[in-house]
Amino acid sequence: MPDVFDRIEWKVREIFGEEPVCVHVGDVKECEIKRHPTYAKFRAEAISAGVRSAASSRLWESIIAMGRLCDLDGNDTWRLVILDCIVPCFRSTSMKISRDFGVDREEIRSAMVATALEVWADTAMGVPPRHVRDRMVKAAFEVAWRHGNVNLSEYPTDDVEIYSGPDISAQDSTMRASSVIDFNIIRDAAFAEQVRGERFGSLFQRLGYFDAMRVFHDEIRAGRRSGSVSHAKASGLPRSWISNPNLYYYASDLYPSFIGLREAASVMGIAESAAHRLIRAGQFPFPAARAGRSYKVSVRALMHFKDIPDAIVHVDDVENGALHASGGVR
């Protein structure tokens, strides 16, 4: 009968299949590193590196960073990868405790996974990435032996639900621009979204960037580029006049997904050397992904840190705004 360890492994293999896995920036096409193994090879290397010394492993530093980046987006994919690369070392211990103390094996394994996830949440800040894996493993072993040495009734465990993402409230897409319109008092979400989009279009038109925007929009319309907002989320707005509900995207889709640590430090107002020190100390305010000997910083994570709203916009709204800015008539 499959247990929680098996379900984790099956879920991750279902996600990645036989495609190459990028642990540097999460996207093989955008990564500067050319060598990307399949998930099976990647997992074997991660397990081996964790057993040898996770604290000195650049691979595990990258894995932890990718997990943190996914958490910011409410995506549990890399959190599952981390568990899948850790639980193989739990199997023999859980079997031994189950056999020697007469404890249900599934109960032990569920408790180990739940404890590892608790440590994952507790080490989000202030703990260097290189130490996170070992802390998760140590805490999981401790809770397993505790189950074996005490009365089971004192440690009830519920079913562990690990595949759903964290409960994150809807992202604030309010643009903080000087305007006579206060988005906080607009009750019609569709109208507020339309005004935001038209402001973007007007801004790009005035800055002379709309030719590049038009290419971006043409690619979305042609299906060569997909917006990052799901159809279900977009179509929830009562706007029957729009050309296609799939033509939504976040403003951050216009930016590169990752930038170098030097550029990110400049935006943050600190020196690059200070950024390196914060990363080593586990005190950098958001995850930095290891790419070879350098670091890459998620633009969305940087926007979140700087409190820059990532507005949801629609192709039609932006183009209408540009039309108004150029003096045209809708």
Protein backbone atom coordinates (compact mmCIF):
# COMPACT_ATOMS: atom_id res chain seq x y z
CA MET A 1 0.00 0.00 0.00
CA PRO A 2 1.51 3.39 -0.96
CA ASP A 3 2.49 5.68 1.89
CA VAL A 4 3.29 9.39 2.07
CA PHE A 5 6.87 8.83 0.82
CA ASP A 6 5.60 7.03 -2.29
CA ARG A 7 2.98 9.69 -2.97
CA ILE A 8 5.60 12.43 -2.83
CA GLU A 9 7.84 10.57 -5.28
CA TRP A 10 4.99 9.84 -7.71
CA LYS A 11 3.77 13.44 -7.62
CA VAL A 12 7.19 14.90 -8.40
CA ARG A 13 7.86 12.43 -11.21
CA GLU A 14 4.45 13.30 -12.64
CA ILE A 15 5.40 16.98 -12.63
CA PHE A 16 8.81 16.64 -14.29
CA GLY A 17 8.49 13.47 -16.35
CA GLU A 18 11.63 12.86 -18.42
CA GLU A 19 12.28 16.53 -19.18
CA PRO A 20 15.52 18.28 -18.11
CA VAL A 21 15.37 19.89 -14.67
CA CYS A 22 16.86 23.34 -14.00
CA VAL A 23 17.79 24.05 -10.40
CA HIS A 24 19.51 27.36 -11.24
CA VAL A 25 16.64 29.58 -12.38
CA GLY A 26 13.86 27.03 -12.75
CA ASP A 27 13.64 27.31 -16.54
CA VAL A 28 16.02 25.43 -18.85
CA LYS A 29 15.39 27.88 -21.70
CA GLU A 30 16.34 30.92 -19.63
CA CYS A 31 19.31 29.35 -17.84
CA GLU A 32 22.90 30.20 -18.75
CA ILE A 33 24.10 26.83 -17.47
CA LYS A 34 23.89 24.28 -20.28
CA ARG A 35 23.99 20.98 -18.39
CA HIS A 36 20.56 19.95 -17.12
CA PRO A 37 19.89 16.31 -16.15
CA THR A 38 16.57 14.52 -16.15
CA TYR A 39 14.79 14.42 -12.80
CA ALA A 40 15.92 10.86 -12.04
CA LYS A 41 19.60 11.82 -12.44
CA PHE A 42 19.11 15.10 -10.62
CA ARG A 43 17.43 13.32 -7.68
CA ALA A 44 20.20 10.73 -7.41
CA GLU A 45 22.83 13.48 -7.34
CA ALA A 46 20.89 15.49 -4.76
CA ILE A 47 20.46 12.46 -2.46
CA SER A 48 24.16 11.65 -2.72
CA ALA A 49 25.20 15.25 -2.07
CA GLY A 50 22.89 15.44 0.94
CA VAL A 51 24.33 12.29 2.49
CA ARG A 52 27.92 13.46 1.93
CA SER A 53 27.56 17.06 3.09
CA ALA A 54 24.54 19.20 2.32
CA ALA A 55 26.11 22.10 4.21
CA SER A 56 28.89 22.42 1.63
CA SER A 57 26.83 21.50 -1.43
CA ARG A 58 26.10 24.18 -4.01
CA LEU A 59 23.43 21.89 -5.40
CA TRP A 60 21.52 21.88 -2.13
CA GLU A 61 21.95 25.64 -1.78
CA SER A 62 20.24 25.99 -5.17
CA ILE A 63 17.51 23.49 -4.29
CA ILE A 64 16.63 25.40 -1.12
CA ALA A 65 16.63 28.70 -3.02
CA MET A 66 14.27 27.32 -5.66
CA GLY A 67 11.96 26.08 -2.91
CA ARG A 68 11.83 29.54 -1.35
CA LEU A 69 11.17 31.19 -4.71
CA CYS A 70 8.28 28.81 -5.41
CA ASP A 71 6.86 29.53 -1.96
CA LEU A 72 6.69 33.23 -2.83
CA ASP A 73 4.49 32.33 -5.80
CA GLY A 74 2.33 29.92 -3.81
CA ASN A 75 3.77 26.97 -5.75
CA ASP A 76 4.76 23.83 -3.82
CA THR A 77 6.66 22.11 -6.66
CA TRP A 78 10.17 22.59 -5.30
CA ARG A 79 9.06 22.03 -1.73
CA LEU A 80 7.97 18.58 -2.92
CA VAL A 81 11.31 18.12 -4.70
CA ILE A 82 13.12 18.88 -1.44
CA LEU A 83 11.03 16.29 0.40
CA ASP A 84 11.51 13.74 -2.38
CA CYS A 85 15.30 14.17 -2.13
CA ILE A 86 15.23 13.87 1.69
CA VAL A 87 12.79 11.04 2.48
CA PRO A 88 14.93 8.19 1.08
CA CYS A 89 17.11 8.51 4.18
CA PHE A 90 13.94 8.26 6.32
CA ARG A 91 12.83 4.87 4.99
CA SER A 92 15.12 2.52 6.90
CA THR A 93 14.71 4.38 10.20
CA SER A 94 10.93 4.45 9.94
CA MET A 95 10.85 0.72 9.17
CA LYS A 96 13.12 -0.09 12.12
CA ILE A 97 11.05 1.98 14.58
CA SER A 98 7.81 0.50 13.27
CA ARG A 99 9.15 -3.04 13.66
CA ASP A 100 10.86 -2.61 17.05
CA PHE A 101 8.19 -0.53 18.80
CA GLY A 102 5.04 -1.73 17.09
CA VAL A 103 4.15 1.71 15.76
CA ASP A 104 2.23 2.08 12.51
CA ARG A 105 4.79 2.84 9.79
CA GLU A 106 2.53 5.23 7.88
CA GLU A 107 1.96 7.20 11.07
CA ILE A 108 5.70 7.57 11.64
CA ARG A 109 6.37 8.59 8.06
CA SER A 110 3.54 11.13 8.05
CA ALA A 111 4.89 12.63 11.27
CA MET A 112 8.40 12.82 9.79
CA VAL A 113 7.14 14.64 6.69
CA ALA A 114 4.98 17.00 8.74
CA THR A 115 7.92 17.82 11.02
CA ALA A 116 10.26 18.41 8.08
CA LEU A 117 7.72 20.84 6.61
CA GLU A 118 7.44 22.65 9.94
CA VAL A 119 11.20 23.12 10.01
CA TRP A 120 11.06 24.31 6.39
CA ALA A 121 8.60 27.03 7.42
CA ASP A 122 10.55 27.96 10.55
CA THR A 123 13.84 28.40 8.67
CA ALA A 124 12.47 30.74 5.99
CA MET A 125 14.50 33.62 7.44
CA GLY A 126 17.68 33.77 9.49
CA VAL A 127 18.98 30.31 8.57
CA PRO A 128 21.59 29.93 5.79
CA PRO A 129 20.28 27.72 2.96
CA ARG A 130 23.15 25.26 3.42
CA HIS A 131 21.85 24.32 6.90
CA VAL A 132 18.14 23.89 6.08
CA ARG A 133 18.28 20.33 4.74
CA ASP A 134 20.18 18.98 7.76
CA ARG A 135 17.79 20.66 10.19
CA MET A 136 14.80 19.11 8.43
CA VAL A 137 16.37 15.66 8.57
CA LYS A 138 17.43 15.96 12.23
CA ALA A 139 13.98 17.09 13.37
CA ALA A 140 12.28 14.30 11.40
CA PHE A 141 14.51 11.64 13.01
CA GLU A 142 13.82 13.06 16.47
CA VAL A 143 10.05 12.93 16.04
CA ALA A 144 10.27 9.37 14.68
CA TRP A 145 12.15 8.10 17.73
CA ARG A 146 9.80 10.01 20.00
CA HIS A 147 6.89 8.10 18.46
CA GLY A 148 8.70 4.89 19.22
CA ASN A 149 9.42 5.71 22.86
CA VAL A 150 6.18 7.14 24.12
CA ASN A 151 2.56 6.13 24.28
CA LEU A 152 1.02 6.64 20.86
CA SER A 153 -2.10 8.17 22.31
CA GLU A 154 -0.07 11.17 23.42
CA TYR A 155 0.97 11.89 19.84
CA PRO A 156 -2.08 11.67 17.58
CA THR A 157 -1.39 12.49 13.99
CA ASP A 158 -3.81 13.61 11.36
CA ASP A 159 -3.52 12.91 7.68
CA VAL A 160 -0.79 15.05 6.20
CA GLU A 161 -1.85 17.27 3.34
CA ILE A 162 1.24 18.46 1.48
CA TYR A 163 0.23 18.98 -2.10
CA SER A 164 -1.82 22.11 -1.69
CA GLY A 165 0.01 25.43 -1.67
CA PRO A 166 -0.07 27.85 1.24
CA ASP A 167 -3.19 29.92 1.82
CA ILE A 168 -2.17 33.15 0.18
CA SER A 169 -4.64 35.97 -0.20
CA ALA A 170 -5.23 37.43 -3.64
CA GLN A 171 -2.26 39.46 -4.83
CA ASP A 172 -2.63 43.22 -4.45
CA SER A 173 -2.55 44.55 -7.99
CA THR A 174 -3.29 48.18 -7.12
CA MET A 175 -0.96 50.54 -8.96
CA ARG A 176 0.45 53.25 -6.74
CA ALA A 177 0.43 56.03 -9.28
CA SER A 178 -0.57 59.64 -8.78
CA SER A 179 -4.14 59.90 -9.99
CA VAL A 180 -7.49 61.35 -9.10
CA ILE A 181 -8.81 57.78 -9.16
CA ASP A 182 -8.44 55.80 -5.94
CA PHE A 183 -8.58 52.10 -6.78
CA ASN A 184 -9.52 51.26 -3.21
CA ILE A 185 -12.96 52.83 -3.64
CA ILE A 186 -13.76 51.28 -7.06
CA ARG A 187 -16.28 48.52 -6.49
CA ASP A 188 -16.29 47.23 -10.07
CA ALA A 189 -13.18 45.01 -10.34
CA ALA A 190 -13.43 44.88 -14.13
CA PHE A 191 -13.44 48.66 -14.40
CA ALA A 192 -10.52 49.03 -11.99
CA GLU A 193 -8.55 46.48 -14.01
CA GLN A 194 -9.35 48.31 -17.25
CA VAL A 195 -8.10 51.62 -15.86
CA ARG A 196 -4.87 49.99 -14.68
CA GLY A 197 -4.28 48.50 -18.12
CA GLU A 198 -4.94 51.79 -19.85
CA ARG A 199 -2.48 53.53 -17.56
CA PHE A 200 0.17 51.02 -18.55
CA GLY A 201 -0.58 51.59 -22.23
CA SER A 202 -0.43 55.35 -21.84
CA LEU A 203 2.87 55.10 -19.98
CA PHE A 204 4.49 52.87 -22.60
CA GLN A 205 3.24 55.13 -25.38
CA ARG A 206 4.69 58.26 -23.78
CA LEU A 207 8.02 56.55 -23.11
CA GLY A 208 8.25 55.35 -26.70
CA TYR A 209 8.20 51.66 -25.78
CA PHE A 210 4.93 50.65 -27.35
CA ASP A 211 6.43 49.17 -30.53
CA ALA A 212 8.11 46.54 -28.34
CA MET A 213 4.85 46.10 -26.42
CA ARG A 214 2.96 45.52 -29.67
CA VAL A 215 5.33 42.66 -30.55
CA PHE A 216 4.76 41.21 -27.06
CA HIS A 217 0.99 41.41 -27.51
CA ASP A 218 1.09 39.96 -31.03
CA GLU A 219 2.98 36.94 -29.68
CA ILE A 220 0.33 36.42 -26.98
CA ARG A 221 -2.46 36.65 -29.56
CA ALA A 222 -0.67 34.22 -31.87
CA GLY A 223 -0.19 31.71 -29.04
CA ARG A 224 3.62 31.90 -29.17
CA ARG A 225 3.70 33.42 -25.70
CA SER A 226 1.24 32.65 -22.92
CA GLY A 227 0.12 35.04 -20.24
CA SER A 228 0.89 33.91 -16.69
CA VAL A 229 -2.66 34.48 -15.43
CA SER A 230 -4.83 31.40 -15.62
CA HIS A 231 -7.99 31.37 -17.72
CA ALA A 232 -10.06 30.53 -14.64
CA LYS A 233 -8.83 33.60 -12.82
CA ALA A 234 -9.15 35.91 -15.81
CA SER A 235 -12.60 34.77 -16.95
CA GLY A 236 -14.03 35.41 -13.50
CA LEU A 237 -14.33 39.10 -14.42
CA PRO A 238 -17.67 40.07 -16.04
CA ARG A 239 -16.22 41.62 -19.18
CA SER A 240 -17.98 40.25 -22.24
CA TRP A 241 -16.58 42.91 -24.57
CA ILE A 242 -12.92 41.83 -24.38
CA SER A 243 -11.49 40.02 -27.38
CA ASN A 244 -10.20 36.96 -25.55
CA PRO A 245 -10.12 36.19 -21.80
CA ASN A 246 -6.80 34.37 -22.23
CA LEU A 247 -4.92 37.56 -23.09
CA TYR A 248 -4.15 38.47 -19.49
CA TYR A 249 -0.67 38.71 -18.02
CA TYR A 250 1.20 40.22 -15.08
CA ALA A 251 3.19 43.41 -15.59
CA SER A 252 6.29 41.48 -14.47
CA ASP A 253 5.97 39.24 -17.55
CA LEU A 254 7.51 42.14 -19.46
CA TYR A 255 10.69 41.93 -17.37
CA PRO A 256 13.40 39.26 -17.32
CA SER A 257 12.63 36.52 -14.82
CA PHE A 258 16.04 36.81 -13.12
CA ILE A 259 18.74 39.48 -12.86
CA GLY A 260 22.26 39.36 -11.45
CA LEU A 261 22.99 39.96 -7.78
CA ARG A 262 24.88 43.17 -8.57
CA GLU A 263 21.85 44.71 -10.30
CA ALA A 264 19.52 43.51 -7.53
CA ALA A 265 21.79 44.95 -4.83
CA SER A 266 21.78 48.29 -6.67
CA VAL A 267 17.97 48.35 -6.67
CA MET A 268 17.98 47.45 -2.97
CA GLY A 269 20.44 50.26 -2.23
CA ILE A 270 23.22 48.06 -0.85
CA ALA A 271 26.66 46.99 -2.06
CA GLU A 272 27.08 43.67 -3.85
CA SER A 273 29.52 42.53 -1.16
CA ALA A 274 26.90 43.24 1.49
CA ALA A 275 24.38 41.19 -0.48
CA HIS A 276 26.85 38.25 -0.54
CA ARG A 277 27.32 38.51 3.23
CA LEU A 278 23.57 38.50 3.82
CA ILE A 279 23.15 35.41 1.64
CA ARG A 280 25.90 33.52 3.48
CA ALA A 281 24.31 34.45 6.82
CA GLY A 282 20.84 33.39 5.68
CA GLN A 283 19.57 36.95 6.17
CA PHE A 284 18.99 38.01 2.57
CA PRO A 285 15.35 39.21 2.50
CA PHE A 286 14.32 36.85 -0.34
CA PRO A 287 15.83 33.79 -2.05
CA ALA A 288 18.83 34.11 -4.36
CA ALA A 289 19.31 31.18 -6.75
CA ARG A 290 22.79 29.77 -7.26
CA ALA A 291 23.84 29.65 -10.94
CA GLY A 292 27.38 28.26 -11.18
CA ARG A 293 29.64 30.58 -9.19
CA SER A 294 27.20 33.48 -9.21
CA TYR A 295 23.71 34.23 -7.96
CA LYS A 296 20.50 35.14 -9.77
CA VAL A 297 17.66 37.07 -8.16
CA SER A 298 14.00 36.65 -9.07
CA VAL A 299 12.60 39.92 -10.39
CA ARG A 300 9.18 39.12 -8.91
CA ALA A 301 10.76 38.48 -5.51
CA LEU A 302 12.65 41.78 -5.78
CA MET A 303 9.40 43.59 -6.69
CA HIS A 304 7.69 42.04 -3.67
CA PHE A 305 10.55 43.16 -1.40
CA LYS A 306 10.43 46.73 -2.77
CA ASP A 307 6.63 46.73 -2.47
CA ILE A 308 6.22 47.29 -6.22
CA PRO A 309 2.73 46.12 -7.26
CA ASP A 310 2.61 43.49 -10.00
CA ALA A 311 -0.61 44.49 -11.73
CA ILE A 312 -2.74 42.12 -13.81
CA VAL A 313 -3.33 43.69 -17.23
CA HIS A 314 -5.12 42.75 -20.43
CA VAL A 315 -3.79 43.23 -23.96
CA ASP A 316 -6.86 45.20 -25.07
CA ASP A 317 -6.71 47.60 -22.12
CA VAL A 318 -3.05 48.42 -22.67
CA GLU A 319 -3.56 49.05 -26.38
CA ASN A 320 -6.62 51.18 -25.70
CA GLY A 321 -4.59 53.23 -23.25
CA ALA A 322 -1.87 53.74 -25.84
CA LEU A 323 -4.51 54.81 -28.35
CA HIS A 324 -5.82 57.45 -25.94
CA ALA A 325 -2.30 58.68 -25.21
CA SER A 326 -1.56 59.14 -28.91
CA GLY A 327 -4.75 61.17 -29.40
CA GLY A 328 -6.71 58.48 -31.22
CA VAL A 329 -10.32 57.55 -30.79
CA ARG A 330 -11.50 54.16 -29.54
